[in-house]
Amino acid sequence: MDRYFIAYATNIKADELTKSIPEAKIISYGYVKNYALQFVGYDGHAIATVVKKFGAKLPVAIWDFPIEMRNMLTNYEQFPYLYERKKVTAHVGKFKMRGEIYVTKQNLRFGTPSEEYLQTLKKAYSEAGFDPNLIDEALKRQPKE
């Protein structure tokens, strides 16, 4: 595993991951090139994921935690049942940080999240200093199935 956990969606919140892994801490915020936020699952219950999209910039939080906590993160992210790991590079100013991002398995259909989930995401983005309107933009880009 690369040292860092690159998080999007609700894990951008500074207190979210620490509920399960108290030793975890956000060390920075940045973005990942060529990935965009989308939603998968049943309408009204969909969750955030990311998909490759040329030219996109995905807002992320970069988490650090002791390597021995990897199993806790794996369980927290329901790997390998719901998510798979991908290696990505997060850009933080002039710096690049390698890490792993958890992406939902691609066999899930696109769907609409609940209003409560959307509000939670917008609050997380706002608290992290990202524009919460990016959540609405992701919904507008959502493929129709």
Protein backbone atom coordinates (compact mmCIF):
# COMPACT_ATOMS: atom_id res chain seq x y z
CA MET A 1 0.00 0.00 0.00
CA ASP A 2 1.14 3.48 -0.68
CA ARG A 3 1.46 5.45 2.49
CA TYR A 4 -1.55 7.72 2.03
CA PHE A 5 -5.28 7.18 1.77
CA ILE A 6 -6.73 9.56 -0.82
CA ALA A 7 -10.34 10.28 0.16
CA TYR A 8 -13.29 11.89 -1.56
CA ALA A 9 -16.96 12.27 -0.58
CA THR A 10 -17.76 12.03 3.14
CA ASN A 11 -14.20 10.96 4.03
CA ILE A 12 -13.13 14.52 3.21
CA LYS A 13 -14.56 15.45 6.61
CA ALA A 14 -11.83 15.78 9.20
CA ASP A 15 -13.72 13.71 11.77
CA GLU A 16 -15.20 11.00 9.54
CA LEU A 17 -12.44 8.38 9.29
CA THR A 18 -11.26 8.98 12.85
CA LYS A 19 -14.51 7.42 14.11
CA SER A 20 -13.12 4.04 13.03
CA ILE A 21 -9.37 4.77 12.98
CA PRO A 22 -8.58 7.28 15.75
CA GLU A 23 -4.90 7.41 14.73
CA ALA A 24 -5.77 8.71 11.25
CA LYS A 25 -5.22 12.36 10.44
CA ILE A 26 -5.71 14.54 7.41
CA ILE A 27 -2.39 15.99 6.34
CA SER A 28 -3.57 18.01 3.37
CA TYR A 29 -6.24 18.70 0.77
CA GLY A 30 -5.73 18.66 -2.96
CA TYR A 31 -7.08 17.10 -6.11
CA VAL A 32 -6.62 14.09 -8.35
CA LYS A 33 -6.42 14.75 -12.08
CA ASN A 34 -8.67 12.96 -14.57
CA TYR A 35 -11.18 11.63 -12.03
CA ALA A 36 -14.72 12.89 -11.40
CA LEU A 37 -17.36 12.27 -8.74
CA GLN A 38 -20.42 10.20 -9.67
CA PHE A 39 -23.06 8.21 -7.82
CA VAL A 40 -23.88 4.50 -7.98
CA GLY A 41 -26.58 2.39 -6.42
CA TYR A 42 -30.34 2.40 -6.19
CA ASP A 43 -32.16 5.67 -6.71
CA GLY A 44 -32.61 7.42 -3.40
CA HIS A 45 -29.76 5.39 -1.86
CA ALA A 46 -26.82 5.86 -4.23
CA ILE A 47 -23.34 6.54 -2.87
CA ALA A 48 -20.40 8.50 -4.22
CA THR A 49 -17.71 6.93 -6.35
CA VAL A 50 -15.20 8.22 -8.84
CA VAL A 51 -14.77 7.52 -12.53
CA LYS A 52 -12.02 8.34 -15.00
CA LYS A 53 -12.80 11.59 -16.82
CA PHE A 54 -10.14 13.32 -18.89
CA GLY A 55 -9.58 16.92 -17.78
CA ALA A 56 -11.50 16.59 -14.49
CA LYS A 57 -10.12 17.49 -11.05
CA LEU A 58 -11.46 15.54 -8.08
CA PRO A 59 -11.22 17.32 -4.70
CA VAL A 60 -9.63 15.02 -2.11
CA ALA A 61 -8.34 14.80 1.42
CA ILE A 62 -5.00 13.07 1.99
CA TRP A 63 -5.06 10.93 5.12
CA ASP A 64 -2.08 9.45 6.92
CA PHE A 65 -2.31 6.64 9.44
CA PRO A 66 -0.02 3.98 10.86
CA ILE A 67 0.56 1.18 8.36
CA GLU A 68 -0.63 -1.40 10.89
CA MET A 69 -4.08 0.21 10.61
CA ARG A 70 -4.45 -0.91 6.97
CA ASN A 71 -6.79 -3.77 7.89
CA MET A 72 -9.05 -1.37 9.74
CA LEU A 73 -9.22 0.87 6.66
CA THR A 74 -9.88 -2.15 4.44
CA ASN A 75 -12.79 -3.18 6.66
CA TYR A 76 -14.07 0.39 6.92
CA GLU A 77 -14.18 0.68 3.12
CA GLN A 78 -15.77 -2.79 2.64
CA PHE A 79 -12.85 -3.93 0.46
CA PRO A 80 -13.00 -6.10 -1.68
CA TYR A 81 -16.80 -6.49 -1.66
CA LEU A 82 -18.00 -3.00 -2.53
CA TYR A 83 -14.75 -1.17 -3.30
CA GLU A 84 -11.49 -1.80 -5.08
CA ARG A 85 -8.24 0.11 -4.53
CA LYS A 86 -6.48 2.14 -7.19
CA LYS A 87 -3.16 3.94 -6.96
CA VAL A 88 -3.43 7.65 -7.72
CA THR A 89 -1.42 10.82 -7.38
CA ALA A 90 -2.90 13.72 -5.45
CA HIS A 91 -1.73 17.22 -6.31
CA VAL A 92 -1.22 19.59 -3.40
CA GLY A 93 0.09 22.91 -4.66
CA LYS A 94 3.43 22.11 -6.33
CA PHE A 95 3.68 18.75 -4.57
CA LYS A 96 2.50 15.29 -5.58
CA MET A 97 1.51 12.61 -3.09
CA ARG A 98 0.99 8.95 -4.04
CA GLY A 99 -1.72 7.01 -2.34
CA GLU A 100 -4.64 4.69 -2.75
CA ILE A 101 -8.21 5.63 -3.45
CA TYR A 102 -11.18 3.31 -2.97
CA VAL A 103 -13.51 3.14 -5.99
CA THR A 104 -16.80 1.24 -6.10
CA LYS A 105 -16.78 -1.81 -8.31
CA GLN A 106 -17.79 -0.91 -11.83
CA ASN A 107 -20.68 -3.36 -12.06
CA LEU A 108 -22.91 -0.99 -10.06
CA ARG A 109 -25.44 1.10 -11.97
CA PHE A 110 -25.61 4.86 -11.69
CA GLY A 111 -28.25 6.18 -9.32
CA THR A 112 -29.47 9.16 -7.35
CA PRO A 113 -28.40 9.69 -3.73
CA SER A 114 -30.76 10.72 -0.96
CA GLU A 115 -31.14 14.40 -0.18
CA GLU A 116 -29.65 13.77 3.28
CA TYR A 117 -26.54 12.18 1.75
CA LEU A 118 -26.18 15.09 -0.70
CA GLN A 119 -26.38 17.59 2.17
CA THR A 120 -23.75 15.61 4.10
CA LEU A 121 -21.44 15.70 1.06
CA LYS A 122 -21.97 19.43 0.57
CA LYS A 123 -21.20 20.08 4.23
CA ALA A 124 -18.04 17.94 4.00
CA TYR A 125 -16.89 19.83 0.89
CA SER A 126 -17.60 23.18 2.53
CA GLU A 127 -15.74 22.26 5.74
CA ALA A 128 -12.75 21.14 3.66
CA GLY A 129 -12.69 24.42 1.73
CA PHE A 130 -14.09 22.97 -1.51
CA ASP A 131 -17.02 24.45 -3.39
CA PRO A 132 -20.14 22.49 -2.35
CA ASN A 133 -21.68 23.29 -5.75
CA LEU A 134 -19.32 20.65 -7.18
CA ILE A 135 -21.76 18.07 -5.78
CA ASP A 136 -24.60 19.56 -7.86
CA GLU A 137 -22.33 19.60 -10.91
CA ALA A 138 -21.59 15.90 -10.40
CA LEU A 139 -25.33 15.18 -10.34
CA LYS A 140 -25.82 17.08 -13.61
CA ARG A 141 -23.07 14.98 -15.27
CA GLN A 142 -24.61 11.75 -14.01
CA PRO A 143 -25.30 9.29 -16.85
CA LYS A 144 -28.94 8.26 -17.22
CA GLU A 145 -29.51 4.51 -17.22
